[in-house]
Amino acid sequence: METVADTNTTKVELFINEGFDNLKFGLSMEEVRAVLGDAEETDMYDEDEETDVVIWHYWDKGISIFFEQEAGFRFSCAEVNSPETIVWGKNVFTMNREELKALFTEHNFKEIETETHEWGEERLSIIDAMVDFYFENGKLLSVNFGKLLL
């Protein structure tokens, strides 16, 4: 990852169904820690008193890493809100919904779905790429992407 000078953001390059930068889906917690260091904050979500998901937040990088129990607590999903997020050479935070749809269609991902939540946030999902883009008032807020590891 390359820190963008004077903006305090991190350039992040996403590789669909693979991971981002030099972090590949399927890495263990220790392997992720070796690359990113200790998380600034950790969340745990559980049902029936058993931890289902551990989330490591790297707020200064604009990245959250998800480890799911069903995947053996391996890296299976990430959420990125860095305005310097790149997919196939394009900065996705400078693109609107239609441009994002066209970009993914151009790369043979065609299962596209949208949903507007009652509070106004809109989700653009590229189902076959396992990517969700979250918008508010037409502005991209975050990208959530992952890979099934089961």
Protein backbone atom coordinates (compact mmCIF):
# COMPACT_ATOMS: atom_id res chain seq x y z
CA MET A 1 0.00 0.00 0.00
CA GLU A 2 1.20 3.46 -0.83
CA THR A 3 0.29 6.44 1.32
CA VAL A 4 -0.77 9.40 -0.76
CA ALA A 5 1.25 12.44 0.25
CA ASP A 6 -0.41 15.37 1.98
CA THR A 7 -3.89 13.83 1.99
CA ASN A 8 -3.55 11.32 4.88
CA THR A 9 -5.25 8.62 2.82
CA THR A 10 -4.04 5.29 1.59
CA LYS A 11 -4.05 4.16 -2.02
CA VAL A 12 -5.70 0.73 -2.14
CA GLU A 13 -5.83 -1.47 -5.24
CA LEU A 14 -8.62 -4.05 -5.24
CA PHE A 15 -8.28 -7.32 -7.11
CA ILE A 16 -11.75 -8.81 -7.55
CA ASN A 17 -12.10 -12.30 -6.03
CA GLU A 18 -8.45 -12.16 -4.92
CA GLY A 19 -7.95 -9.44 -2.28
CA PHE A 20 -6.26 -6.05 -2.28
CA ASP A 21 -2.70 -4.85 -2.59
CA ASN A 22 -0.58 -7.73 -1.26
CA LEU A 23 -3.32 -9.21 0.98
CA LYS A 24 -5.01 -12.26 -0.50
CA PHE A 25 -8.31 -13.66 0.70
CA GLY A 26 -7.76 -16.74 2.84
CA LEU A 27 -4.85 -15.37 4.89
CA SER A 28 -4.84 -16.14 8.61
CA MET A 29 -5.12 -13.43 11.25
CA GLU A 30 -1.39 -13.67 11.92
CA GLU A 31 -0.56 -13.33 8.22
CA VAL A 32 -2.74 -10.20 7.96
CA ARG A 33 -1.18 -8.77 11.14
CA ALA A 34 2.29 -9.35 9.64
CA VAL A 35 1.34 -7.11 6.69
CA LEU A 36 -0.86 -4.43 8.29
CA GLY A 37 0.27 -4.51 11.92
CA ASP A 38 -2.08 -4.38 14.87
CA ALA A 39 -5.57 -3.06 14.23
CA GLU A 40 -6.60 0.23 15.82
CA GLU A 41 -9.88 -1.34 16.93
CA THR A 42 -11.39 -4.84 17.00
CA ASP A 43 -15.10 -5.73 16.87
CA MET A 44 -16.61 -9.16 17.40
CA TYR A 45 -20.07 -10.19 16.27
CA ASP A 46 -21.60 -13.32 17.62
CA GLU A 47 -24.80 -15.29 17.74
CA ASP A 48 -25.56 -17.81 20.48
CA GLU A 49 -22.45 -16.75 22.49
CA GLU A 50 -20.09 -17.98 19.78
CA THR A 51 -17.99 -15.48 17.82
CA ASP A 52 -19.03 -15.53 14.18
CA VAL A 53 -17.05 -12.59 12.79
CA VAL A 54 -13.98 -10.68 13.97
CA ILE A 55 -13.39 -7.28 12.36
CA TRP A 56 -10.11 -5.43 12.51
CA HIS A 57 -10.37 -1.69 11.80
CA TYR A 58 -7.44 0.25 10.42
CA TRP A 59 -9.08 3.69 10.55
CA ASP A 60 -5.98 5.59 9.40
CA LYS A 61 -5.86 3.47 6.23
CA GLY A 62 -9.64 3.50 5.62
CA ILE A 63 -9.78 -0.32 5.77
CA SER A 64 -11.65 -2.91 7.84
CA ILE A 65 -10.75 -6.61 7.56
CA PHE A 66 -13.32 -9.35 8.28
CA PHE A 67 -12.48 -12.84 9.54
CA GLU A 68 -15.43 -15.25 9.55
CA GLN A 69 -15.68 -18.29 11.79
CA GLU A 70 -17.15 -20.39 8.96
CA ALA A 71 -13.96 -19.70 7.01
CA GLY A 72 -11.72 -20.70 9.91
CA PHE A 73 -11.23 -17.03 10.89
CA ARG A 74 -9.36 -16.40 7.65
CA PHE A 75 -9.51 -13.08 5.76
CA SER A 76 -12.72 -13.27 3.74
CA CYS A 77 -13.99 -9.72 3.31
CA ALA A 78 -12.88 -6.09 3.50
CA GLU A 79 -14.51 -2.72 3.62
CA VAL A 80 -12.61 0.20 2.15
CA ASN A 81 -13.46 3.87 2.34
CA SER A 82 -10.19 5.35 1.15
CA PRO A 83 -10.89 7.88 -1.63
CA GLU A 84 -7.81 6.45 -3.37
CA THR A 85 -9.37 3.03 -4.14
CA ILE A 86 -8.43 1.56 -7.51
CA VAL A 87 -10.10 -1.27 -9.48
CA TRP A 88 -8.72 -2.17 -12.94
CA GLY A 89 -6.75 1.07 -13.00
CA LYS A 90 -9.79 3.27 -12.22
CA ASN A 91 -10.42 5.25 -9.04
CA VAL A 92 -13.89 4.01 -8.06
CA PHE A 93 -14.53 6.96 -5.72
CA THR A 94 -14.56 9.30 -8.73
CA MET A 95 -17.20 7.19 -10.52
CA ASN A 96 -20.99 7.27 -10.36
CA ARG A 97 -23.28 4.22 -10.27
CA GLU A 98 -23.63 4.01 -14.05
CA GLU A 99 -19.87 4.21 -14.59
CA LEU A 100 -19.30 1.47 -12.01
CA LYS A 101 -21.90 -0.76 -13.67
CA ALA A 102 -20.21 -0.21 -17.05
CA LEU A 103 -16.75 -0.93 -15.59
CA PHE A 104 -17.85 -4.27 -14.13
CA THR A 105 -19.87 -5.23 -17.20
CA GLU A 106 -16.78 -4.53 -19.32
CA HIS A 107 -14.95 -7.12 -17.17
CA ASN A 108 -17.73 -9.72 -17.61
CA PHE A 109 -19.49 -9.23 -14.27
CA LYS A 110 -23.14 -8.86 -15.15
CA GLU A 111 -25.21 -9.76 -12.07
CA ILE A 112 -26.03 -6.25 -10.88
CA GLU A 113 -28.57 -5.26 -8.26
CA THR A 114 -29.46 -2.02 -6.50
CA GLU A 115 -31.35 -1.30 -3.32
CA THR A 116 -32.25 1.95 -1.60
CA HIS A 117 -32.62 1.73 2.15
CA GLU A 118 -35.36 3.69 3.89
CA TRP A 119 -32.73 5.95 5.50
CA GLY A 120 -31.51 6.97 2.03
CA GLU A 121 -28.31 4.95 1.58
CA GLU A 122 -28.12 3.12 -1.73
CA ARG A 123 -26.33 -0.16 -2.33
CA LEU A 124 -25.03 -1.16 -5.76
CA SER A 125 -24.13 -4.85 -5.72
CA ILE A 126 -22.12 -6.68 -8.33
CA ILE A 127 -23.27 -10.13 -7.20
CA ASP A 128 -20.93 -12.29 -9.29
CA ALA A 129 -17.92 -10.18 -8.20
CA MET A 130 -19.01 -10.12 -4.52
CA VAL A 131 -18.70 -6.33 -4.38
CA ASP A 132 -21.07 -3.81 -2.78
CA PHE A 133 -20.78 -0.06 -3.30
CA TYR A 134 -22.58 2.12 -0.73
CA PHE A 135 -23.75 5.61 -1.74
CA GLU A 136 -25.38 8.47 0.11
CA ASN A 137 -26.76 11.45 -1.81
CA GLY A 138 -25.02 10.11 -4.94
CA LYS A 139 -21.58 10.03 -3.26
CA LEU A 140 -19.69 6.76 -2.82
CA LEU A 141 -19.02 6.15 0.89
CA SER A 142 -17.48 2.67 0.96
CA VAL A 143 -16.74 -0.51 -0.96
CA ASN A 144 -17.29 -3.93 0.61
CA PHE A 145 -15.83 -6.91 -1.23
CA GLY A 146 -14.96 -10.49 -0.47
CA LYS A 147 -14.69 -14.09 -1.51
CA LEU A 148 -16.43 -17.25 -0.37
CA LEU A 149 -13.84 -19.40 1.34
CA LEU A 150 -16.02 -22.29 2.48
